Each structure stands twice: as C-alpha cells, then as structure tokens.
PDB file of N, CA and C in Angstrom:
ATOM      1  N   UNK A   1      18.855  -3.996 -19.121  1.00  0.00           N
ATOM      2  CA  UNK A   1      20.100  -4.000 -18.391  1.00  0.00           C
ATOM      3  C   UNK A   1      19.957  -4.774 -17.074  1.00  0.00           C
ATOM      4  N   UNK A   2      19.026  -4.387 -16.222  1.00  0.00           N
ATOM      5  CA  UNK A   2      18.749  -5.075 -14.975  1.00  0.00           C
ATOM      6  C   UNK A   2      17.412  -5.813 -15.061  1.00  0.00           C
ATOM      7  N   UNK A   3      17.417  -7.023 -14.671  1.00  0.00           N
ATOM      8  CA  UNK A   3      16.156  -7.767 -14.618  1.00  0.00           C
ATOM      9  C   UNK A   3      15.916  -8.201 -13.190  1.00  0.00           C
ATOM     10  N   UNK A   4      14.626  -8.311 -12.869  1.00  0.00           N
ATOM     11  CA  UNK A   4      14.269  -8.791 -11.505  1.00  0.00           C
ATOM     12  C   UNK A   4      14.695 -10.217 -11.383  1.00  0.00           C
ATOM     13  N   UNK A   5      15.084 -10.611 -10.178  1.00  0.00           N
ATOM     14  CA  UNK A   5      15.462 -11.975  -9.867  1.00  0.00           C
ATOM     15  C   UNK A   5      14.318 -12.905 -10.257  1.00  0.00           C
ATOM     16  N   UNK A   6      13.076 -12.428 -10.214  1.00  0.00           N
ATOM     17  CA  UNK A   6      11.944 -13.273 -10.514  1.00  0.00           C
ATOM     18  C   UNK A   6      12.055 -13.950 -11.901  1.00  0.00           C
ATOM     19  N   UNK A   7      12.892 -13.295 -12.811  1.00  0.00           N
ATOM     20  CA  UNK A   7      13.055 -13.902 -14.115  1.00  0.00           C
ATOM     21  C   UNK A   7      13.755 -15.242 -14.041  1.00  0.00           C
ATOM     22  N   UNK A   8      14.524 -15.487 -12.948  1.00  0.00           N
ATOM     23  CA  UNK A   8      15.265 -16.742 -12.840  1.00  0.00           C
ATOM     24  C   UNK A   8      14.689 -17.622 -11.743  1.00  0.00           C
ATOM     25  N   UNK A   9      13.615 -17.208 -11.099  1.00  0.00           N
ATOM     26  CA  UNK A   9      12.992 -18.034 -10.040  1.00  0.00           C
ATOM     27  C   UNK A   9      12.119 -19.096 -10.711  1.00  0.00           C
ATOM     28  N   UNK A  10      12.309 -20.357 -10.295  1.00  0.00           N
ATOM     29  CA  UNK A  10      11.467 -21.395 -10.911  1.00  0.00           C
ATOM     30  C   UNK A  10       9.996 -21.143 -10.590  1.00  0.00           C
ATOM     31  N   UNK A  11       9.129 -21.514 -11.512  1.00  0.00           N
ATOM     32  CA  UNK A  11       7.702 -21.359 -11.300  1.00  0.00           C
ATOM     33  C   UNK A  11       7.175 -22.524 -10.481  1.00  0.00           C
ATOM     34  N   UNK A  12       6.148 -22.235  -9.701  1.00  0.00           N
ATOM     35  CA  UNK A  12       5.502 -23.248  -8.905  1.00  0.00           C
ATOM     36  C   UNK A  12       4.596 -24.117  -9.810  1.00  0.00           C
ATOM     37  N   UNK A  13       3.975 -25.111  -9.244  1.00  0.00           N
ATOM     38  CA  UNK A  13       3.094 -25.975 -10.048  1.00  0.00           C
ATOM     39  C   UNK A  13       1.935 -25.185 -10.646  1.00  0.00           C
ATOM     40  N   UNK A  14       1.609 -24.030 -10.103  1.00  0.00           N
ATOM     41  CA  UNK A  14       0.560 -23.189 -10.664  1.00  0.00           C
ATOM     42  C   UNK A  14       1.089 -22.287 -11.752  1.00  0.00           C
ATOM     43  N   UNK A  15       2.400 -22.271 -11.948  1.00  0.00           N
ATOM     44  CA  UNK A  15       2.978 -21.412 -12.983  1.00  0.00           C
ATOM     45  C   UNK A  15       3.310 -20.023 -12.493  1.00  0.00           C
ATOM     46  N   UNK A  16       3.101 -19.749 -11.223  1.00  0.00           N
ATOM     47  CA  UNK A  16       3.325 -18.394 -10.667  1.00  0.00           C
ATOM     48  C   UNK A  16       4.781 -18.329 -10.136  1.00  0.00           C
ATOM     49  N   UNK A  17       5.420 -17.188 -10.320  1.00  0.00           N
ATOM     50  CA  UNK A  17       6.766 -16.968  -9.782  1.00  0.00           C
ATOM     51  C   UNK A  17       6.661 -16.404  -8.397  1.00  0.00           C
ATOM     52  N   UNK A  18       7.708 -16.559  -7.600  1.00  0.00           N
ATOM     53  CA  UNK A  18       7.765 -15.969  -6.256  1.00  0.00           C
ATOM     54  C   UNK A  18       7.984 -14.480  -6.330  1.00  0.00           C
ATOM     55  N   UNK A  19       7.724 -13.771  -5.257  1.00  0.00           N
ATOM     56  CA  UNK A  19       7.953 -12.354  -5.193  1.00  0.00           C
ATOM     57  C   UNK A  19       9.412 -12.074  -4.974  1.00  0.00           C
ATOM     58  N   UNK A  20      10.044 -11.210  -5.840  1.00  0.00           N
ATOM     59  CA  UNK A  20      11.471 -10.966  -5.784  1.00  0.00           C
ATOM     60  C   UNK A  20      11.817  -9.890  -4.715  1.00  0.00           C
ATOM     61  N   UNK A  21      11.513 -10.157  -3.510  1.00  0.00           N
ATOM     62  CA  UNK A  21      11.868  -9.198  -2.462  1.00  0.00           C
ATOM     63  C   UNK A  21      10.984  -9.358  -1.215  1.00  0.00           C
ATOM     64  N   UNK A  22      11.181  -8.484  -0.272  1.00  0.00           N
ATOM     65  CA  UNK A  22      10.372  -8.520   0.962  1.00  0.00           C
ATOM     66  C   UNK A  22       9.878  -7.113   1.268  1.00  0.00           C
ATOM     67  N   UNK A  23       8.687  -7.076   1.809  1.00  0.00           N
ATOM     68  CA  UNK A  23       8.080  -5.802   2.094  1.00  0.00           C
ATOM     69  C   UNK A  23       7.598  -5.781   3.555  1.00  0.00           C
ATOM     70  N   UNK A  24       7.884  -4.688   4.243  1.00  0.00           N
ATOM     71  CA  UNK A  24       7.433  -4.549   5.608  1.00  0.00           C
ATOM     72  C   UNK A  24       6.730  -3.187   5.694  1.00  0.00           C
ATOM     73  N   UNK A  25       5.573  -3.198   6.386  1.00  0.00           N
ATOM     74  CA  UNK A  25       4.807  -1.953   6.579  1.00  0.00           C
ATOM     75  C   UNK A  25       4.614  -1.761   8.084  1.00  0.00           C
ATOM     76  N   UNK A  26       5.080  -0.638   8.568  1.00  0.00           N
ATOM     77  CA  UNK A  26       5.003  -0.340  10.009  1.00  0.00           C
ATOM     78  C   UNK A  26       5.268   1.159  10.190  1.00  0.00           C
ATOM     79  N   UNK A  27       4.948   1.658  11.345  1.00  0.00           N
ATOM     80  CA  UNK A  27       5.208   3.074  11.660  1.00  0.00           C
ATOM     81  C   UNK A  27       6.602   3.182  12.241  1.00  0.00           C
ATOM     82  N   UNK A  28       7.613   3.162  11.369  1.00  0.00           N
ATOM     83  CA  UNK A  28       9.008   3.128  11.821  1.00  0.00           C
ATOM     84  C   UNK A  28       9.436   4.407  12.542  1.00  0.00           C
ATOM     85  N   UNK A  29       8.827   5.545  12.221  1.00  0.00           N
ATOM     86  CA  UNK A  29       9.257   6.800  12.845  1.00  0.00           C
ATOM     87  C   UNK A  29       8.282   7.236  13.942  1.00  0.00           C
ATOM     88  N   UNK A  30       7.291   6.342  14.255  1.00  0.00           N
ATOM     89  CA  UNK A  30       6.359   6.546  15.340  1.00  0.00           C
ATOM     90  C   UNK A  30       5.622   7.868  15.309  1.00  0.00           C
ATOM     91  N   UNK A  31       5.198   8.258  14.050  1.00  0.00           N
ATOM     92  CA  UNK A  31       4.420   9.493  13.888  1.00  0.00           C
ATOM     93  C   UNK A  31       2.945   9.208  13.724  1.00  0.00           C
ATOM     94  N   UNK A  32       2.543   7.915  13.833  1.00  0.00           N
ATOM     95  CA  UNK A  32       1.117   7.562  13.727  1.00  0.00           C
ATOM     96  C   UNK A  32       0.725   7.165  12.321  1.00  0.00           C
ATOM     97  N   UNK A  33       1.639   7.166  11.352  1.00  0.00           N
ATOM     98  CA  UNK A  33       1.338   6.816  10.008  1.00  0.00           C
ATOM     99  C   UNK A  33       2.281   5.700   9.499  1.00  0.00           C
ATOM    100  N   UNK A  34       1.712   4.743   8.769  1.00  0.00           N
ATOM    101  CA  UNK A  34       2.445   3.586   8.321  1.00  0.00           C
ATOM    102  C   UNK A  34       3.504   3.992   7.289  1.00  0.00           C
ATOM    103  N   UNK A  35       4.705   3.449   7.451  1.00  0.00           N
ATOM    104  CA  UNK A  35       5.815   3.608   6.473  1.00  0.00           C
ATOM    105  C   UNK A  35       6.065   2.285   5.809  1.00  0.00           C
ATOM    106  N   UNK A  36       6.861   2.285   4.744  1.00  0.00           N
ATOM    107  CA  UNK A  36       7.154   1.047   4.013  1.00  0.00           C
ATOM    108  C   UNK A  36       8.663   0.838   3.905  1.00  0.00           C
ATOM    109  N   UNK A  37       9.086  -0.393   4.201  1.00  0.00           N
ATOM    110  CA  UNK A  37      10.503  -0.774   3.974  1.00  0.00           C
ATOM    111  C   UNK A  37      10.509  -1.985   3.055  1.00  0.00           C
ATOM    112  N   UNK A  38      11.211  -1.908   1.943  1.00  0.00           N
ATOM    113  CA  UNK A  38      11.265  -3.033   1.010  1.00  0.00           C
ATOM    114  C   UNK A  38      12.690  -3.380   0.688  1.00  0.00           C
ATOM    115  N   UNK A  39      12.972  -4.687   0.553  1.00  0.00           N
ATOM    116  CA  UNK A  39      14.247  -5.141   0.051  1.00  0.00           C
ATOM    117  C   UNK A  39      13.898  -5.904  -1.262  1.00  0.00           C
ATOM    118  N   UNK A  40      14.384  -5.330  -2.379  1.00  0.00           N
ATOM    119  CA  UNK A  40      14.029  -5.848  -3.710  1.00  0.00           C
ATOM    120  C   UNK A  40      15.232  -6.561  -4.334  1.00  0.00           C
ATOM    121  N   UNK A  41      14.953  -7.649  -5.014  1.00  0.00           N
ATOM    122  CA  UNK A  41      16.028  -8.458  -5.603  1.00  0.00           C
ATOM    123  C   UNK A  41      16.110  -8.179  -7.128  1.00  0.00           C
ATOM    124  N   UNK A  42      17.332  -8.064  -7.623  1.00  0.00           N
ATOM    125  CA  UNK A  42      17.557  -7.824  -9.019  1.00  0.00           C
ATOM    126  C   UNK A  42      18.725  -8.674  -9.524  1.00  0.00           C
ATOM    127  N   UNK A  43      18.960  -8.651 -10.804  1.00  0.00           N
ATOM    128  CA  UNK A  43      20.073  -9.343 -11.424  1.00  0.00           C
ATOM    129  C   UNK A  43      20.674  -8.394 -12.439  1.00  0.00           C
ATOM    130  N   UNK A  44      22.002  -8.188 -12.324  1.00  0.00           N
ATOM    131  CA  UNK A  44      22.746  -7.353 -13.282  1.00  0.00           C
ATOM    132  C   UNK A  44      23.067  -8.182 -14.502  1.00  0.00           C
ATOM    133  N   UNK A  45      22.296  -8.034 -15.532  1.00  0.00           N
ATOM    134  CA  UNK A  45      22.435  -8.827 -16.777  1.00  0.00           C
ATOM    135  C   UNK A  45      23.611  -8.350 -17.621  1.00  0.00           C
ATOM    136  N   UNK A  46      24.252  -7.254 -17.254  1.00  0.00           N
ATOM    137  CA  UNK A  46      25.409  -6.741 -18.064  1.00  0.00           C
ATOM    138  C   UNK A  46      26.653  -7.529 -17.702  1.00  0.00           C
ATOM    139  N   UNK A  47      26.619  -8.326 -16.640  1.00  0.00           N
ATOM    140  CA  UNK A  47      27.773  -9.115 -16.208  1.00  0.00           C
ATOM    141  C   UNK A  47      27.577 -10.575 -16.603  1.00  0.00           C
ATOM    142  N   UNK A  48      28.717 -11.249 -16.807  1.00  0.00           N
ATOM    143  CA  UNK A  48      28.702 -12.667 -17.133  1.00  0.00           C
ATOM    144  C   UNK A  48      29.441 -13.423 -16.078  1.00  0.00           C
ATOM    145  N   UNK A  49      28.812 -14.310 -15.316  1.00  0.00           N
ATOM    146  CA  UNK A  49      27.370 -14.605 -15.352  1.00  0.00           C
ATOM    147  C   UNK A  49      26.633 -13.452 -14.691  1.00  0.00           C
ATOM    148  N   UNK A  50      25.308 -13.381 -14.915  1.00  0.00           N
ATOM    149  CA  UNK A  50      24.511 -12.322 -14.252  1.00  0.00           C
ATOM    150  C   UNK A  50      24.728 -12.326 -12.741  1.00  0.00           C
ATOM    151  N   UNK A  51      24.839 -11.153 -12.171  1.00  0.00           N
ATOM    152  CA  UNK A  51      25.150 -11.008 -10.738  1.00  0.00           C
ATOM    153  C   UNK A  51      23.951 -10.502  -9.986  1.00  0.00           C
ATOM    154  N   UNK A  52      23.512 -11.280  -8.970  1.00  0.00           N
ATOM    155  CA  UNK A  52      22.360 -10.818  -8.202  1.00  0.00           C
ATOM    156  C   UNK A  52      22.731  -9.689  -7.225  1.00  0.00           C
ATOM    157  N   UNK A  53      21.805  -8.803  -6.967  1.00  0.00           N
ATOM    158  CA  UNK A  53      22.020  -7.767  -5.960  1.00  0.00           C
ATOM    159  C   UNK A  53      20.642  -7.325  -5.459  1.00  0.00           C
ATOM    160  N   UNK A  54      20.650  -6.638  -4.324  1.00  0.00           N
ATOM    161  CA  UNK A  54      19.370  -6.155  -3.746  1.00  0.00           C
ATOM    162  C   UNK A  54      19.445  -4.626  -3.564  1.00  0.00           C
ATOM    163  N   UNK A  55      18.285  -4.083  -3.425  1.00  0.00           N
ATOM    164  CA  UNK A  55      18.176  -2.631  -3.095  1.00  0.00           C
ATOM    165  C   UNK A  55      17.188  -2.500  -1.980  1.00  0.00           C
ATOM    166  N   UNK A  56      17.553  -1.784  -0.953  1.00  0.00           N
ATOM    167  CA  UNK A  56      16.648  -1.532   0.182  1.00  0.00           C
ATOM    168  C   UNK A  56      16.046  -0.140   0.007  1.00  0.00           C
ATOM    169  N   UNK A  57      14.726  -0.061   0.129  1.00  0.00           N
ATOM    170  CA  UNK A  57      14.011   1.136  -0.119  1.00  0.00           C
ATOM    171  C   UNK A  57      13.165   1.453   1.112  1.00  0.00           C
ATOM    172  N   UNK A  58      13.277   2.691   1.629  1.00  0.00           N
ATOM    173  CA  UNK A  58      12.490   3.133   2.762  1.00  0.00           C
ATOM    174  C   UNK A  58      11.584   4.253   2.277  1.00  0.00           C
ATOM    175  N   UNK A  59      10.291   4.106   2.422  1.00  0.00           N
ATOM    176  CA  UNK A  59       9.336   5.156   2.068  1.00  0.00           C
ATOM    177  C   UNK A  59       8.664   5.614   3.361  1.00  0.00           C
ATOM    178  N   UNK A  60       8.931   6.886   3.712  1.00  0.00           N
ATOM    179  CA  UNK A  60       8.341   7.492   4.909  1.00  0.00           C
ATOM    180  C   UNK A  60       7.054   8.191   4.531  1.00  0.00           C
ATOM    181  N   UNK A  61       6.025   7.937   5.355  1.00  0.00           N
ATOM    182  CA  UNK A  61       4.752   8.567   5.210  1.00  0.00           C
ATOM    183  C   UNK A  61       4.852   9.972   5.834  1.00  0.00           C
ATOM    184  N   UNK A  62       4.856  11.006   4.983  1.00  0.00           N
ATOM    185  CA  UNK A  62       5.064  12.358   5.457  1.00  0.00           C
ATOM    186  C   UNK A  62       3.924  13.278   4.930  1.00  0.00           C
ATOM    187  N   UNK A  63       3.777  14.395   5.633  1.00  0.00           N
ATOM    188  CA  UNK A  63       2.809  15.396   5.192  1.00  0.00           C
ATOM    189  C   UNK A  63       3.538  16.422   4.339  1.00  0.00           C
ATOM    190  N   UNK A  64       3.052  16.626   3.135  1.00  0.00           N
ATOM    191  CA  UNK A  64       3.619  17.614   2.207  1.00  0.00           C
ATOM    192  C   UNK A  64       2.447  18.470   1.691  1.00  0.00           C
ATOM    193  N   UNK A  65       2.525  19.731   1.941  1.00  0.00           N
ATOM    194  CA  UNK A  65       1.438  20.681   1.500  1.00  0.00           C
ATOM    195  C   UNK A  65       0.068  20.198   1.990  1.00  0.00           C
ATOM    196  N   UNK A  66       0.013  19.722   3.219  1.00  0.00           N
ATOM    197  CA  UNK A  66      -1.279  19.306   3.806  1.00  0.00           C
ATOM    198  C   UNK A  66      -1.794  17.947   3.355  1.00  0.00           C
ATOM    199  N   UNK A  67      -0.998  17.255   2.524  1.00  0.00           N
ATOM    200  CA  UNK A  67      -1.399  15.934   2.098  1.00  0.00           C
ATOM    201  C   UNK A  67      -0.366  14.867   2.477  1.00  0.00           C
ATOM    202  N   UNK A  68      -0.851  13.622   2.749  1.00  0.00           N
ATOM    203  CA  UNK A  68       0.068  12.541   3.107  1.00  0.00           C
ATOM    204  C   UNK A  68       0.682  11.982   1.818  1.00  0.00           C
ATOM    205  N   UNK A  69       1.959  11.661   1.879  1.00  0.00           N
ATOM    206  CA  UNK A  69       2.684  11.093   0.737  1.00  0.00           C
ATOM    207  C   UNK A  69       3.739  10.182   1.223  1.00  0.00           C
ATOM    208  N   UNK A  70       4.156   9.226   0.403  1.00  0.00           N
ATOM    209  CA  UNK A  70       5.290   8.362   0.719  1.00  0.00           C
ATOM    210  C   UNK A  70       6.534   8.943   0.098  1.00  0.00           C
ATOM    211  N   UNK A  71       7.466   9.393   0.911  1.00  0.00           N
ATOM    212  CA  UNK A  71       8.697  10.030   0.374  1.00  0.00           C
ATOM    213  C   UNK A  71       9.834   9.028   0.524  1.00  0.00           C
ATOM    214  N   UNK A  72      10.565   8.820  -0.565  1.00  0.00           N
ATOM    215  CA  UNK A  72      11.693   7.870  -0.514  1.00  0.00           C
ATOM    216  C   UNK A  72      12.853   8.468   0.195  1.00  0.00           C
ATOM    217  N   UNK A  73      13.413   7.704   1.118  1.00  0.00           N
ATOM    218  CA  UNK A  73      14.662   8.108   1.806  1.00  0.00           C
ATOM    219  C   UNK A  73      15.812   7.811   0.880  1.00  0.00           C
ATOM    220  N   UNK A  74      16.633   8.772   0.650  1.00  0.00           N
ATOM    221  CA  UNK A  74      17.813   8.610  -0.224  1.00  0.00           C
ATOM    222  C   UNK A  74      19.029   8.210   0.638  1.00  0.00           C
ATOM    223  N   UNK A  75      19.908   7.379   0.119  1.00  0.00           N
ATOM    224  CA  UNK A  75      21.064   6.955   0.891  1.00  0.00           C
ATOM    225  C   UNK A  75      22.018   8.079   1.145  1.00  0.00           C
ATOM    226  N   UNK A  76      21.854   9.175   0.399  1.00  0.00           N
ATOM    227  CA  UNK A  76      22.751  10.340   0.587  1.00  0.00           C
ATOM    228  C   UNK A  76      22.171  11.336   1.618  1.00  0.00           C
ATOM    229  N   UNK A  77      20.949  11.075   2.093  1.00  0.00           N
ATOM    230  CA  UNK A  77      20.370  11.951   3.110  1.00  0.00           C
ATOM    231  C   UNK A  77      21.183  11.902   4.393  1.00  0.00           C
ATOM    232  N   UNK A  78      21.043  12.901   5.207  1.00  0.00           N
ATOM    233  CA  UNK A  78      21.703  12.916   6.514  1.00  0.00           C
ATOM    234  C   UNK A  78      20.668  12.524   7.575  1.00  0.00           C
ATOM    235  N   UNK A  79      20.370  11.217   7.615  1.00  0.00           N
ATOM    236  CA  UNK A  79      19.365  10.743   8.558  1.00  0.00           C
ATOM    237  C   UNK A  79      19.672   9.344   9.027  1.00  0.00           C
ATOM    238  N   UNK A  80      19.035   8.955  10.073  1.00  0.00           N
ATOM    239  CA  UNK A  80      19.173   7.574  10.634  1.00  0.00           C
ATOM    240  C   UNK A  80      18.751   6.551   9.527  1.00  0.00           C
ATOM    241  N   UNK A  81      17.659   6.817   8.857  1.00  0.00           N
ATOM    242  CA  UNK A  81      17.144   5.900   7.840  1.00  0.00           C
ATOM    243  C   UNK A  81      18.073   5.817   6.634  1.00  0.00           C
ATOM    244  N   UNK A  82      18.745   6.877   6.281  1.00  0.00           N
ATOM    245  CA  UNK A  82      19.746   6.852   5.212  1.00  0.00           C
ATOM    246  C   UNK A  82      20.900   5.944   5.574  1.00  0.00           C
ATOM    247  N   UNK A  83      21.297   5.997   6.863  1.00  0.00           N
ATOM    248  CA  UNK A  83      22.373   5.080   7.308  1.00  0.00           C
ATOM    249  C   UNK A  83      21.961   3.602   7.224  1.00  0.00           C
ATOM    250  N   UNK A  84      20.673   3.333   7.491  1.00  0.00           N
ATOM    251  CA  UNK A  84      20.160   1.981   7.345  1.00  0.00           C
ATOM    252  C   UNK A  84      20.343   1.501   5.905  1.00  0.00           C
ATOM    253  N   UNK A  85      19.963   2.336   4.952  1.00  0.00           N
ATOM    254  CA  UNK A  85      20.116   2.013   3.532  1.00  0.00           C
ATOM    255  C   UNK A  85      21.565   1.780   3.177  1.00  0.00           C
ATOM    256  N   UNK A  86      22.483   2.617   3.687  1.00  0.00           N
ATOM    257  CA  UNK A  86      23.882   2.483   3.429  1.00  0.00           C
ATOM    258  C   UNK A  86      24.431   1.151   3.977  1.00  0.00           C
ATOM    259  N   UNK A  87      24.031   0.799   5.181  1.00  0.00           N
ATOM    260  CA  UNK A  87      24.465  -0.455   5.806  1.00  0.00           C
ATOM    261  C   UNK A  87      23.906  -1.670   5.059  1.00  0.00           C
ATOM    262  N   UNK A  88      22.660  -1.570   4.617  1.00  0.00           N
ATOM    263  CA  UNK A  88      22.017  -2.656   3.863  1.00  0.00           C
ATOM    264  C   UNK A  88      22.785  -2.945   2.559  1.00  0.00           C
ATOM    265  N   UNK A  89      23.341  -1.924   1.940  1.00  0.00           N
ATOM    266  CA  UNK A  89      24.119  -2.029   0.722  1.00  0.00           C
ATOM    267  C   UNK A  89      23.423  -2.830  -0.367  1.00  0.00           C
ATOM    268  N   UNK A  90      24.130  -3.649  -1.064  1.00  0.00           N
ATOM    269  CA  UNK A  90      23.567  -4.384  -2.198  1.00  0.00           C
ATOM    270  C   UNK A  90      23.424  -5.902  -1.947  1.00  0.00           C
ATOM    271  N   UNK A  91      23.613  -6.362  -0.723  1.00  0.00           N
ATOM    272  CA  UNK A  91      23.560  -7.768  -0.443  1.00  0.00           C
ATOM    273  C   UNK A  91      22.565  -8.181   0.634  1.00  0.00           C
ATOM    274  N   UNK A  92      21.869  -7.253   1.203  1.00  0.00           N
ATOM    275  CA  UNK A  92      20.896  -7.601   2.271  1.00  0.00           C
ATOM    276  C   UNK A  92      19.673  -8.260   1.664  1.00  0.00           C
ATOM    277  N   UNK A  93      19.288  -9.373   2.290  1.00  0.00           N
ATOM    278  CA  UNK A  93      18.113 -10.105   1.818  1.00  0.00           C
ATOM    279  C   UNK A  93      16.870  -9.742   2.640  1.00  0.00           C
ATOM    280  N   UNK A  94      17.050  -9.219   3.789  1.00  0.00           N
ATOM    281  CA  UNK A  94      15.871  -8.921   4.616  1.00  0.00           C
ATOM    282  C   UNK A  94      16.194  -7.745   5.566  1.00  0.00           C
ATOM    283  N   UNK A  95      15.251  -6.813   5.608  1.00  0.00           N
ATOM    284  CA  UNK A  95      15.329  -5.750   6.619  1.00  0.00           C
ATOM    285  C   UNK A  95      14.008  -5.792   7.401  1.00  0.00           C
ATOM    286  N   UNK A  96      14.118  -5.899   8.703  1.00  0.00           N
ATOM    287  CA  UNK A  96      12.917  -5.856   9.526  1.00  0.00           C
ATOM    288  C   UNK A  96      13.229  -5.055  10.763  1.00  0.00           C
ATOM    289  N   UNK A  97      12.288  -4.931  11.653  1.00  0.00           N
ATOM    290  CA  UNK A  97      12.493  -4.087  12.820  1.00  0.00           C
ATOM    291  C   UNK A  97      11.630  -4.584  13.973  1.00  0.00           C
ATOM    292  N   UNK A  98      12.125  -4.313  15.198  1.00  0.00           N
ATOM    293  CA  UNK A  98      11.456  -4.635  16.441  1.00  0.00           C
ATOM    294  C   UNK A  98      12.101  -3.766  17.527  1.00  0.00           C
ATOM    295  N   UNK A  99      11.400  -3.493  18.551  1.00  0.00           N
ATOM    296  CA  UNK A  99      11.975  -2.699  19.666  1.00  0.00           C
ATOM    297  C   UNK A  99      12.709  -3.666  20.602  1.00  0.00           C
ATOM    298  N   UNK A 100      13.925  -4.000  20.280  1.00  0.00           N
ATOM    299  CA  UNK A 100      14.714  -4.986  21.016  1.00  0.00           C
ATOM    300  C   UNK A 100      15.009  -4.539  22.406  1.00  0.00           C
ATOM    301  N   UNK A 101      15.454  -3.274  22.555  1.00  0.00           N
ATOM    302  CA  UNK A 101      15.882  -2.785  23.858  1.00  0.00           C
ATOM    303  C   UNK A 101      14.746  -2.093  24.658  1.00  0.00           C
ATOM    304  N   UNK A 102      13.534  -2.192  24.152  1.00  0.00           N
ATOM    305  CA  UNK A 102      12.353  -1.682  24.797  1.00  0.00           C
ATOM    306  C   UNK A 102      12.454  -0.199  25.199  1.00  0.00           C
ATOM    307  N   UNK A 103      13.006   0.607  24.287  1.00  0.00           N
ATOM    308  CA  UNK A 103      13.120   2.040  24.552  1.00  0.00           C
ATOM    309  C   UNK A 103      11.999   2.829  23.856  1.00  0.00           C
ATOM    310  N   UNK A 104      11.092   2.153  23.237  1.00  0.00           N
ATOM    311  CA  UNK A 104       9.960   2.809  22.552  1.00  0.00           C
ATOM    312  C   UNK A 104      10.276   3.152  21.105  1.00  0.00           C
ATOM    313  N   UNK A 105      11.476   2.803  20.601  1.00  0.00           N
ATOM    314  CA  UNK A 105      11.843   3.083  19.209  1.00  0.00           C
ATOM    315  C   UNK A 105      12.162   1.768  18.520  1.00  0.00           C
ATOM    316  N   UNK A 106      11.781   1.663  17.231  1.00  0.00           N
ATOM    317  CA  UNK A 106      12.029   0.423  16.516  1.00  0.00           C
ATOM    318  C   UNK A 106      13.499   0.327  16.143  1.00  0.00           C
ATOM    319  N   UNK A 107      14.097  -0.861  16.396  1.00  0.00           N
ATOM    320  CA  UNK A 107      15.473  -1.155  16.031  1.00  0.00           C
ATOM    321  C   UNK A 107      15.439  -1.982  14.749  1.00  0.00           C
ATOM    322  N   UNK A 108      16.295  -1.614  13.782  1.00  0.00           N
ATOM    323  CA  UNK A 108      16.357  -2.311  12.501  1.00  0.00           C
ATOM    324  C   UNK A 108      17.252  -3.554  12.588  1.00  0.00           C
ATOM    325  N   UNK A 109      16.825  -4.634  11.983  1.00  0.00           N
ATOM    326  CA  UNK A 109      17.605  -5.852  11.935  1.00  0.00           C
ATOM    327  C   UNK A 109      17.874  -6.077  10.432  1.00  0.00           C
ATOM    328  N   UNK A 110      19.188  -6.180  10.106  1.00  0.00           N
ATOM    329  CA  UNK A 110      19.581  -6.351   8.721  1.00  0.00           C
ATOM    330  C   UNK A 110      20.296  -7.690   8.580  1.00  0.00           C
TER     331      UNK A 110
END
C-alpha cells in the first residue's frame, strides 16, 4: 500500500539510494538523555499518480520500570511534542531545533 520514497529516488553512480527522510538526535526535553526526531518520506501507492507524504516521529528517551526506553509521542497526546507532530502534518520535509530565544529550551523549526 505505502512505499518509501526511496523506491522512486534515482540511484547514485554507486547504485545506492538516498535516505528517505531526516533524523535528528538531541536532548529535546533537557532531561540529560538523547531523544530522536525523524521526518520520514513515503508514497501513497493507492492513489494515481502516487502521492508523496511525510510522517514526523518523536521518540522520547524515558525511564520505564527502572530502564531507559524510547517512547513514541502520539499526535493525540496532550503535550507540547504532540502539537509539534500535529503542526508538522503530512507535508513537512524537515524538523529541527535550536534555542532561538536563548531561554534554555529548544525551539522547533518546521
């Protein structure tokens, strides 16, 4: 049904395809542990012509039962990071972050 955009990306002279998305690793919630933010590219092959779309995924490094784990933030959650996913929607090509206003918190750039 859905194929990665990499299926339609031309191959380089080495025959390798490009990576269908972007990945950022940083401590977005400033808890001392690295989190992951990815924007992944896909193609809806059920439509004619196939329609490209993206999905933004935020994985927070959390402690669960005394162990560290990467927990996926759902767009339906009631959190700041869920709002980022909602704003990113299905067309965002890049999500990154920097402390623009120098308040000690990372600001997301979509």
